[in-house]
């Protein structure tokens, strides 16, 4: 499960490196007209704003990658167990996946999916490869993540500091993840230009947004690691620690 931390650290390192570039650019602006090299082309204000706005896309990439990897880790942990061993929440998710209830199917395909699910249940076969229907749909803010993890039966354990930061309205009356989702979607759907999105923001603002997001995601990863490590995806009585007790 160390891979969960590695994914978070790797994506975060990319963003930090990019922020270092923006810090250097901001320093050049304070000294005068910023250029690429001593006699190179001038970096315009609109170009600077476009560079700033890209941070929101990078941060959303960090959020979605972290959630996806956490879910993949749960799926991997489940594969060796039988469906009957799973917790109520995860049995429900297995049915959602096996019967494809989250997809718009015609009657024949719905019957085929349901029949295949029954066959696997009658054969008492292991869960096998499974994909959890994550939802999100480009909207992975803290509320959406909380709803999804609760659906899996995974309790998010946030520190008091992180909980206050993620619920604060310090970013144009939004919390950090809500701000990221809002601007990411506005950019993706063309509601704002990159130049407009990056206006009236500083590198310090972006660093604070990154810090709050990263600390929240670390608590999410820790919660999923505890969920998997404690075999909480299994029903009580089938968890190894309880069997041995």
C-alpha atoms as a PDB file:
ATOM      1  CA  UNK A   1       0.000   0.000   0.000  1.00  0.00           C
ATOM      2  CA  UNK A   2       3.040   2.229  -0.005  1.00  0.00           C
ATOM      3  CA  UNK A   3       2.223   2.775  -3.680  1.00  0.00           C
ATOM      4  CA  UNK A   4      -0.639   5.055  -2.599  1.00  0.00           C
ATOM      5  CA  UNK A   5       1.817   7.402  -0.904  1.00  0.00           C
ATOM      6  CA  UNK A   6       4.154   7.139  -3.889  1.00  0.00           C
ATOM      7  CA  UNK A   7       1.480   8.231  -6.350  1.00  0.00           C
ATOM      8  CA  UNK A   8       0.558  11.196  -4.183  1.00  0.00           C
ATOM      9  CA  UNK A   9       4.198  12.191  -3.632  1.00  0.00           C
ATOM     10  CA  UNK A  10       5.096  11.878  -7.321  1.00  0.00           C
ATOM     11  CA  UNK A  11       2.189  13.993  -8.574  1.00  0.00           C
ATOM     12  CA  UNK A  12       2.713  16.525  -5.802  1.00  0.00           C
ATOM     13  CA  UNK A  13       6.416  16.828  -6.645  1.00  0.00           C
ATOM     14  CA  UNK A  14       5.466  17.763 -10.222  1.00  0.00           C
ATOM     15  CA  UNK A  15       3.193  20.531  -8.975  1.00  0.00           C
ATOM     16  CA  UNK A  16       5.808  21.819  -6.532  1.00  0.00           C
ATOM     17  CA  UNK A  17       8.367  21.959  -9.345  1.00  0.00           C
ATOM     18  CA  UNK A  18       5.901  23.931 -11.454  1.00  0.00           C
ATOM     19  CA  UNK A  19       5.219  26.318  -8.580  1.00  0.00           C
ATOM     20  CA  UNK A  20       8.968  26.878  -8.236  1.00  0.00           C
ATOM     21  CA  UNK A  21       8.984  27.932 -11.894  1.00  0.00           C
ATOM     22  CA  UNK A  22       6.124  30.350 -11.253  1.00  0.00           C
ATOM     23  CA  UNK A  23       7.940  31.756  -8.219  1.00  0.00           C
ATOM     24  CA  UNK A  24      10.995  32.468 -10.361  1.00  0.00           C
ATOM     25  CA  UNK A  25       8.781  34.132 -12.966  1.00  0.00           C
ATOM     26  CA  UNK A  26       7.084  36.252 -10.319  1.00  0.00           C
ATOM     27  CA  UNK A  27      10.522  37.334  -9.118  1.00  0.00           C
ATOM     28  CA  UNK A  28      11.424  38.453 -12.650  1.00  0.00           C
ATOM     29  CA  UNK A  29       8.210  40.475 -12.861  1.00  0.00           C
ATOM     30  CA  UNK A  30       9.146  42.376  -9.697  1.00  0.00           C
ATOM     31  CA  UNK A  31      12.491  43.286 -11.251  1.00  0.00           C
ATOM     32  CA  UNK A  32      10.972  44.544 -14.473  1.00  0.00           C
ATOM     33  CA  UNK A  33       9.830  43.034 -17.743  1.00  0.00           C
ATOM     34  CA  UNK A  34      10.264  39.246 -17.569  1.00  0.00           C
ATOM     35  CA  UNK A  35      12.061  37.581 -20.483  1.00  0.00           C
ATOM     36  CA  UNK A  36      13.188  34.144 -21.506  1.00  0.00           C
ATOM     37  CA  UNK A  37      16.941  34.712 -21.331  1.00  0.00           C
ATOM     38  CA  UNK A  38      18.616  38.100 -21.349  1.00  0.00           C
ATOM     39  CA  UNK A  39      17.582  38.996 -24.890  1.00  0.00           C
ATOM     40  CA  UNK A  40      14.760  36.506 -25.374  1.00  0.00           C
ATOM     41  CA  UNK A  41      11.064  37.123 -25.909  1.00  0.00           C
ATOM     42  CA  UNK A  42       9.049  38.953 -23.301  1.00  0.00           C
ATOM     43  CA  UNK A  43       6.651  36.939 -21.146  1.00  0.00           C
ATOM     44  CA  UNK A  44       3.375  38.852 -21.294  1.00  0.00           C
ATOM     45  CA  UNK A  45       0.871  39.288 -18.474  1.00  0.00           C
ATOM     46  CA  UNK A  46      -1.643  37.066 -20.283  1.00  0.00           C
ATOM     47  CA  UNK A  47       0.977  34.334 -20.647  1.00  0.00           C
ATOM     48  CA  UNK A  48       1.739  34.566 -16.943  1.00  0.00           C
ATOM     49  CA  UNK A  49      -1.958  34.200 -16.090  1.00  0.00           C
ATOM     50  CA  UNK A  50      -2.253  31.184 -18.385  1.00  0.00           C
ATOM     51  CA  UNK A  51       0.652  29.544 -16.565  1.00  0.00           C
ATOM     52  CA  UNK A  52      -1.039  30.210 -13.237  1.00  0.00           C
ATOM     53  CA  UNK A  53      -4.371  28.742 -14.336  1.00  0.00           C
ATOM     54  CA  UNK A  54      -2.706  25.457 -15.298  1.00  0.00           C
ATOM     55  CA  UNK A  55      -2.110  24.759 -11.609  1.00  0.00           C
ATOM     56  CA  UNK A  56      -5.840  24.101 -11.132  1.00  0.00           C
ATOM     57  CA  UNK A  57      -5.709  21.367 -13.785  1.00  0.00           C
ATOM     58  CA  UNK A  58      -2.640  19.849 -12.163  1.00  0.00           C
ATOM     59  CA  UNK A  59      -4.272  19.868  -8.746  1.00  0.00           C
ATOM     60  CA  UNK A  60      -7.412  18.193 -10.040  1.00  0.00           C
ATOM     61  CA  UNK A  61      -5.221  15.579 -11.707  1.00  0.00           C
ATOM     62  CA  UNK A  62      -3.639  14.994  -8.280  1.00  0.00           C
ATOM     63  CA  UNK A  63      -7.043  14.606  -6.605  1.00  0.00           C
ATOM     64  CA  UNK A  64      -8.491  12.214  -9.169  1.00  0.00           C
ATOM     65  CA  UNK A  65      -5.306  10.133  -9.415  1.00  0.00           C
ATOM     66  CA  UNK A  66      -5.231   9.730  -5.631  1.00  0.00           C
ATOM     67  CA  UNK A  67      -8.884   8.657  -5.421  1.00  0.00           C
ATOM     68  CA  UNK A  68      -8.485   6.242  -8.338  1.00  0.00           C
ATOM     69  CA  UNK A  69      -5.422   4.595  -6.818  1.00  0.00           C
ATOM     70  CA  UNK A  70      -7.162   4.213  -3.461  1.00  0.00           C
ATOM     71  CA  UNK A  71     -10.101   2.497  -5.144  1.00  0.00           C
ATOM     72  CA  UNK A  72      -7.795   0.253  -7.172  1.00  0.00           C
ATOM     73  CA  UNK A  73      -6.090  -0.801  -3.929  1.00  0.00           C
ATOM     74  CA  UNK A  74      -9.456  -1.790  -2.426  1.00  0.00           C
ATOM     75  CA  UNK A  75     -10.345  -3.766  -5.556  1.00  0.00           C
ATOM     76  CA  UNK A  76      -6.992  -5.558  -5.462  1.00  0.00           C
ATOM     77  CA  UNK A  77      -7.459  -6.481  -1.796  1.00  0.00           C
ATOM     78  CA  UNK A  78     -10.923  -7.913  -2.459  1.00  0.00           C
ATOM     79  CA  UNK A  79     -10.050 -10.243  -5.334  1.00  0.00           C
ATOM     80  CA  UNK A  80      -8.961 -13.276  -3.273  1.00  0.00           C
ATOM     81  CA  UNK A  81     -12.134 -13.328  -1.169  1.00  0.00           C
ATOM     82  CA  UNK A  82     -15.577 -14.725  -1.911  1.00  0.00           C
ATOM     83  CA  UNK A  83     -18.528 -12.424  -2.403  1.00  0.00           C
ATOM     84  CA  UNK A  84     -20.112 -13.808   0.790  1.00  0.00           C
ATOM     85  CA  UNK A  85     -17.040 -12.655   2.746  1.00  0.00           C
ATOM     86  CA  UNK A  86     -17.485  -8.995   1.815  1.00  0.00           C
ATOM     87  CA  UNK A  87     -19.063  -6.344   3.988  1.00  0.00           C
ATOM     88  CA  UNK A  88     -22.624  -5.279   3.210  1.00  0.00           C
ATOM     89  CA  UNK A  89     -21.318  -2.121   1.539  1.00  0.00           C
ATOM     90  CA  UNK A  90     -18.851  -3.978  -0.669  1.00  0.00           C
ATOM     91  CA  UNK A  91     -21.342  -6.720  -1.567  1.00  0.00           C
ATOM     92  CA  UNK A  92     -23.618  -3.953  -2.769  1.00  0.00           C
ATOM     93  CA  UNK A  93     -20.766  -2.504  -4.819  1.00  0.00           C
ATOM     94  CA  UNK A  94     -19.965  -5.947  -6.242  1.00  0.00           C
ATOM     95  CA  UNK A  95     -23.586  -6.331  -7.357  1.00  0.00           C
ATOM     96  CA  UNK A  96     -23.469  -2.851  -8.888  1.00  0.00           C
ATOM     97  CA  UNK A  97     -20.392  -3.924 -10.864  1.00  0.00           C
ATOM     98  CA  UNK A  98     -21.442  -7.491 -11.743  1.00  0.00           C
ATOM     99  CA  UNK A  99     -25.024  -6.641 -12.715  1.00  0.00           C
ATOM    100  CA  UNK A 100     -23.930  -3.332 -14.270  1.00  0.00           C
ATOM    101  CA  UNK A 101     -26.739  -1.500 -12.506  1.00  0.00           C
ATOM    102  CA  UNK A 102     -24.863   1.783 -12.942  1.00  0.00           C
ATOM    103  CA  UNK A 103     -24.989   1.475 -16.747  1.00  0.00           C
ATOM    104  CA  UNK A 104     -27.802   2.168 -19.188  1.00  0.00           C
ATOM    105  CA  UNK A 105     -28.385  -1.307 -20.704  1.00  0.00           C
ATOM    106  CA  UNK A 106     -31.138  -2.740 -22.862  1.00  0.00           C
ATOM    107  CA  UNK A 107     -33.236  -5.602 -21.523  1.00  0.00           C
ATOM    108  CA  UNK A 108     -31.178  -8.370 -23.124  1.00  0.00           C
ATOM    109  CA  UNK A 109     -27.861  -7.052 -21.878  1.00  0.00           C
ATOM    110  CA  UNK A 110     -29.347  -6.451 -18.421  1.00  0.00           C
ATOM    111  CA  UNK A 111     -30.492 -10.091 -18.344  1.00  0.00           C
ATOM    112  CA  UNK A 112     -27.076 -11.305 -19.491  1.00  0.00           C
ATOM    113  CA  UNK A 113     -25.285  -9.310 -16.785  1.00  0.00           C
ATOM    114  CA  UNK A 114     -27.693 -10.527 -14.099  1.00  0.00           C
ATOM    115  CA  UNK A 115     -27.371 -14.146 -15.252  1.00  0.00           C
ATOM    116  CA  UNK A 116     -23.569 -13.966 -15.204  1.00  0.00           C
ATOM    117  CA  UNK A 117     -23.743 -12.564 -11.682  1.00  0.00           C
ATOM    118  CA  UNK A 118     -25.985 -15.450 -10.555  1.00  0.00           C
ATOM    119  CA  UNK A 119     -23.646 -17.988 -12.121  1.00  0.00           C
ATOM    120  CA  UNK A 120     -20.710 -16.585 -10.188  1.00  0.00           C
ATOM    121  CA  UNK A 121     -22.681 -16.621  -6.957  1.00  0.00           C
ATOM    122  CA  UNK A 122     -23.805 -20.236  -7.459  1.00  0.00           C
ATOM    123  CA  UNK A 123     -20.253 -21.293  -8.215  1.00  0.00           C
ATOM    124  CA  UNK A 124     -19.075 -19.563  -5.028  1.00  0.00           C
ATOM    125  CA  UNK A 125     -16.151 -18.220  -7.032  1.00  0.00           C
ATOM    126  CA  UNK A 126     -13.825 -15.522  -5.682  1.00  0.00           C
ATOM    127  CA  UNK A 127     -14.693 -11.905  -6.335  1.00  0.00           C
ATOM    128  CA  UNK A 128     -12.025 -11.796  -9.039  1.00  0.00           C
ATOM    129  CA  UNK A 129     -11.243  -8.636 -10.958  1.00  0.00           C
ATOM    130  CA  UNK A 130     -13.677  -5.882 -10.067  1.00  0.00           C
ATOM    131  CA  UNK A 131     -14.055  -2.225 -10.828  1.00  0.00           C
ATOM    132  CA  UNK A 132     -15.977  -0.070  -8.401  1.00  0.00           C
ATOM    133  CA  UNK A 133     -18.310   2.444  -9.993  1.00  0.00           C
ATOM    134  CA  UNK A 134     -16.609   5.570  -8.685  1.00  0.00           C
ATOM    135  CA  UNK A 135     -18.816   8.342  -9.934  1.00  0.00           C
ATOM    136  CA  UNK A 136     -17.154  11.713  -9.442  1.00  0.00           C
ATOM    137  CA  UNK A 137     -17.414  12.638 -13.094  1.00  0.00           C
ATOM    138  CA  UNK A 138     -14.928  15.474 -12.831  1.00  0.00           C
ATOM    139  CA  UNK A 139     -16.404  16.627  -9.526  1.00  0.00           C
ATOM    140  CA  UNK A 140     -14.144  15.074  -6.893  1.00  0.00           C
ATOM    141  CA  UNK A 141     -14.384  17.705  -4.178  1.00  0.00           C
ATOM    142  CA  UNK A 142     -14.301  16.845  -0.468  1.00  0.00           C
ATOM    143  CA  UNK A 143     -18.072  16.302  -0.259  1.00  0.00           C
ATOM    144  CA  UNK A 144     -18.081  13.908  -3.218  1.00  0.00           C
ATOM    145  CA  UNK A 145     -15.111  12.001  -1.800  1.00  0.00           C
ATOM    146  CA  UNK A 146     -16.847  11.754   1.577  1.00  0.00           C
ATOM    147  CA  UNK A 147     -20.043  10.405  -0.017  1.00  0.00           C
ATOM    148  CA  UNK A 148     -18.129   7.854  -2.056  1.00  0.00           C
ATOM    149  CA  UNK A 149     -15.961   6.563   0.790  1.00  0.00           C
ATOM    150  CA  UNK A 150     -19.050   6.274   3.023  1.00  0.00           C
ATOM    151  CA  UNK A 151     -20.675   4.184   0.285  1.00  0.00           C
ATOM    152  CA  UNK A 152     -17.739   1.775   0.516  1.00  0.00           C
ATOM    153  CA  UNK A 153     -17.915   1.672   4.300  1.00  0.00           C
ATOM    154  CA  UNK A 154     -14.568   3.453   4.611  1.00  0.00           C
ATOM    155  CA  UNK A 155     -14.501   6.119   7.329  1.00  0.00           C
ATOM    156  CA  UNK A 156     -12.464   9.184   6.506  1.00  0.00           C
ATOM    157  CA  UNK A 157     -10.357  10.192   9.480  1.00  0.00           C
ATOM    158  CA  UNK A 158      -9.333  13.821   9.081  1.00  0.00           C
ATOM    159  CA  UNK A 159      -7.197  15.709  11.565  1.00  0.00           C
ATOM    160  CA  UNK A 160      -8.837  18.760  13.128  1.00  0.00           C
ATOM    161  CA  UNK A 161      -6.473  21.044  11.210  1.00  0.00           C
ATOM    162  CA  UNK A 162      -7.188  19.395   7.876  1.00  0.00           C
ATOM    163  CA  UNK A 163     -10.936  19.335   8.502  1.00  0.00           C
ATOM    164  CA  UNK A 164     -10.973  23.065   9.254  1.00  0.00           C
ATOM    165  CA  UNK A 165      -8.841  23.865   6.194  1.00  0.00           C
ATOM    166  CA  UNK A 166     -10.885  21.800   3.758  1.00  0.00           C
ATOM    167  CA  UNK A 167     -14.156  23.323   5.010  1.00  0.00           C
ATOM    168  CA  UNK A 168     -12.858  26.884   5.090  1.00  0.00           C
ATOM    169  CA  UNK A 169     -14.010  29.385   2.481  1.00  0.00           C
ATOM    170  CA  UNK A 170     -10.603  30.934   1.974  1.00  0.00           C
ATOM    171  CA  UNK A 171     -10.563  30.700  -1.817  1.00  0.00           C
ATOM    172  CA  UNK A 172     -13.127  33.124  -3.242  1.00  0.00           C
ATOM    173  CA  UNK A 173     -15.700  31.846  -0.755  1.00  0.00           C
ATOM    174  CA  UNK A 174     -14.897  28.202  -1.613  1.00  0.00           C
ATOM    175  CA  UNK A 175     -13.009  25.481   0.174  1.00  0.00           C
ATOM    176  CA  UNK A 176      -9.788  24.337  -1.550  1.00  0.00           C
ATOM    177  CA  UNK A 177     -11.178  21.278  -3.347  1.00  0.00           C
ATOM    178  CA  UNK A 178     -14.394  23.016  -4.340  1.00  0.00           C
ATOM    179  CA  UNK A 179     -12.315  25.832  -5.825  1.00  0.00           C
ATOM    180  CA  UNK A 180     -10.206  23.383  -7.804  1.00  0.00           C
ATOM    181  CA  UNK A 181     -13.254  21.526  -9.152  1.00  0.00           C
ATOM    182  CA  UNK A 182     -15.074  24.741 -10.037  1.00  0.00           C
ATOM    183  CA  UNK A 183     -12.180  26.238 -12.005  1.00  0.00           C
ATOM    184  CA  UNK A 184     -11.183  22.914 -13.559  1.00  0.00           C
ATOM    185  CA  UNK A 185     -14.716  22.467 -14.910  1.00  0.00           C
ATOM    186  CA  UNK A 186     -14.990  26.065 -16.065  1.00  0.00           C
ATOM    187  CA  UNK A 187     -11.778  25.605 -18.030  1.00  0.00           C
ATOM    188  CA  UNK A 188     -12.807  22.190 -19.371  1.00  0.00           C
ATOM    189  CA  UNK A 189     -16.181  23.470 -20.595  1.00  0.00           C
ATOM    190  CA  UNK A 190     -14.849  26.744 -21.964  1.00  0.00           C
ATOM    191  CA  UNK A 191     -16.741  28.947 -19.530  1.00  0.00           C
ATOM    192  CA  UNK A 192     -13.560  30.894 -18.786  1.00  0.00           C
ATOM    193  CA  UNK A 193     -10.319  31.307 -20.706  1.00  0.00           C
ATOM    194  CA  UNK A 194      -6.976  30.352 -19.199  1.00  0.00           C
ATOM    195  CA  UNK A 195      -6.086  34.020 -19.038  1.00  0.00           C
ATOM    196  CA  UNK A 196      -9.256  34.873 -17.121  1.00  0.00           C
ATOM    197  CA  UNK A 197      -8.827  31.922 -14.777  1.00  0.00           C
ATOM    198  CA  UNK A 198      -5.297  32.947 -13.804  1.00  0.00           C
ATOM    199  CA  UNK A 199      -6.153  36.599 -13.111  1.00  0.00           C
ATOM    200  CA  UNK A 200      -5.976  38.063  -9.596  1.00  0.00           C
ATOM    201  CA  UNK A 201      -4.030  35.132  -8.161  1.00  0.00           C
ATOM    202  CA  UNK A 202      -0.490  34.904  -6.811  1.00  0.00           C
ATOM    203  CA  UNK A 203       1.933  32.036  -6.437  1.00  0.00           C
ATOM    204  CA  UNK A 204       1.421  32.288  -2.678  1.00  0.00           C
ATOM    205  CA  UNK A 205      -2.295  31.687  -3.214  1.00  0.00           C
ATOM    206  CA  UNK A 206      -1.545  28.649  -5.351  1.00  0.00           C
ATOM    207  CA  UNK A 207       0.963  27.285  -2.832  1.00  0.00           C
ATOM    208  CA  UNK A 208      -1.615  27.543  -0.032  1.00  0.00           C
ATOM    209  CA  UNK A 209      -4.212  25.824  -2.225  1.00  0.00           C
ATOM    210  CA  UNK A 210      -1.711  23.059  -2.973  1.00  0.00           C
ATOM    211  CA  UNK A 211      -0.763  22.673   0.694  1.00  0.00           C
ATOM    212  CA  UNK A 212      -4.369  22.347   1.862  1.00  0.00           C
ATOM    213  CA  UNK A 213      -5.213  19.901  -0.908  1.00  0.00           C
ATOM    214  CA  UNK A 214      -2.152  17.735  -0.302  1.00  0.00           C
ATOM    215  CA  UNK A 215      -2.754  17.533   3.452  1.00  0.00           C
ATOM    216  CA  UNK A 216      -6.368  16.522   2.871  1.00  0.00           C
ATOM    217  CA  UNK A 217      -5.349  13.828   0.366  1.00  0.00           C
ATOM    218  CA  UNK A 218      -2.758  12.438   2.778  1.00  0.00           C
ATOM    219  CA  UNK A 219      -5.524  11.891   5.317  1.00  0.00           C
ATOM    220  CA  UNK A 220      -7.645  10.242   2.607  1.00  0.00           C
ATOM    221  CA  UNK A 221      -4.776   7.883   1.744  1.00  0.00           C
ATOM    222  CA  UNK A 222      -4.183   7.099   5.426  1.00  0.00           C
ATOM    223  CA  UNK A 223      -7.891   6.315   5.858  1.00  0.00           C
ATOM    224  CA  UNK A 224      -7.903   3.935   2.889  1.00  0.00           C
ATOM    225  CA  UNK A 225      -4.741   2.227   4.103  1.00  0.00           C
ATOM    226  CA  UNK A 226      -6.377   1.638   7.492  1.00  0.00           C
ATOM    227  CA  UNK A 227      -9.538   0.378   5.765  1.00  0.00           C
ATOM    228  CA  UNK A 228      -7.586  -2.118   3.670  1.00  0.00           C
ATOM    229  CA  UNK A 229      -5.046  -3.062   6.347  1.00  0.00           C
ATOM    230  CA  UNK A 230      -7.823  -3.763   8.845  1.00  0.00           C
ATOM    231  CA  UNK A 231      -9.727  -5.836   6.251  1.00  0.00           C
ATOM    232  CA  UNK A 232     -12.737  -3.610   6.841  1.00  0.00           C
ATOM    233  CA  UNK A 233     -13.959  -4.469   3.336  1.00  0.00           C
ATOM    234  CA  UNK A 234     -14.862  -7.884   4.810  1.00  0.00           C
ATOM    235  CA  UNK A 235     -17.837  -8.558   7.026  1.00  0.00           C
ATOM    236  CA  UNK A 236     -17.184  -8.921  10.775  1.00  0.00           C
ATOM    237  CA  UNK A 237     -16.128 -12.445  11.603  1.00  0.00           C
ATOM    238  CA  UNK A 238     -14.272 -12.900   8.322  1.00  0.00           C
ATOM    239  CA  UNK A 239     -11.593 -10.334   9.068  1.00  0.00           C
ATOM    240  CA  UNK A 240      -8.304 -12.167   9.792  1.00  0.00           C
ATOM    241  CA  UNK A 241      -7.625 -10.315  13.047  1.00  0.00           C
ATOM    242  CA  UNK A 242     -11.089 -11.257  14.345  1.00  0.00           C
ATOM    243  CA  UNK A 243     -10.800 -14.879  13.188  1.00  0.00           C
ATOM    244  CA  UNK A 244      -7.527 -15.249  15.117  1.00  0.00           C
ATOM    245  CA  UNK A 245      -8.828 -13.483  18.235  1.00  0.00           C
END
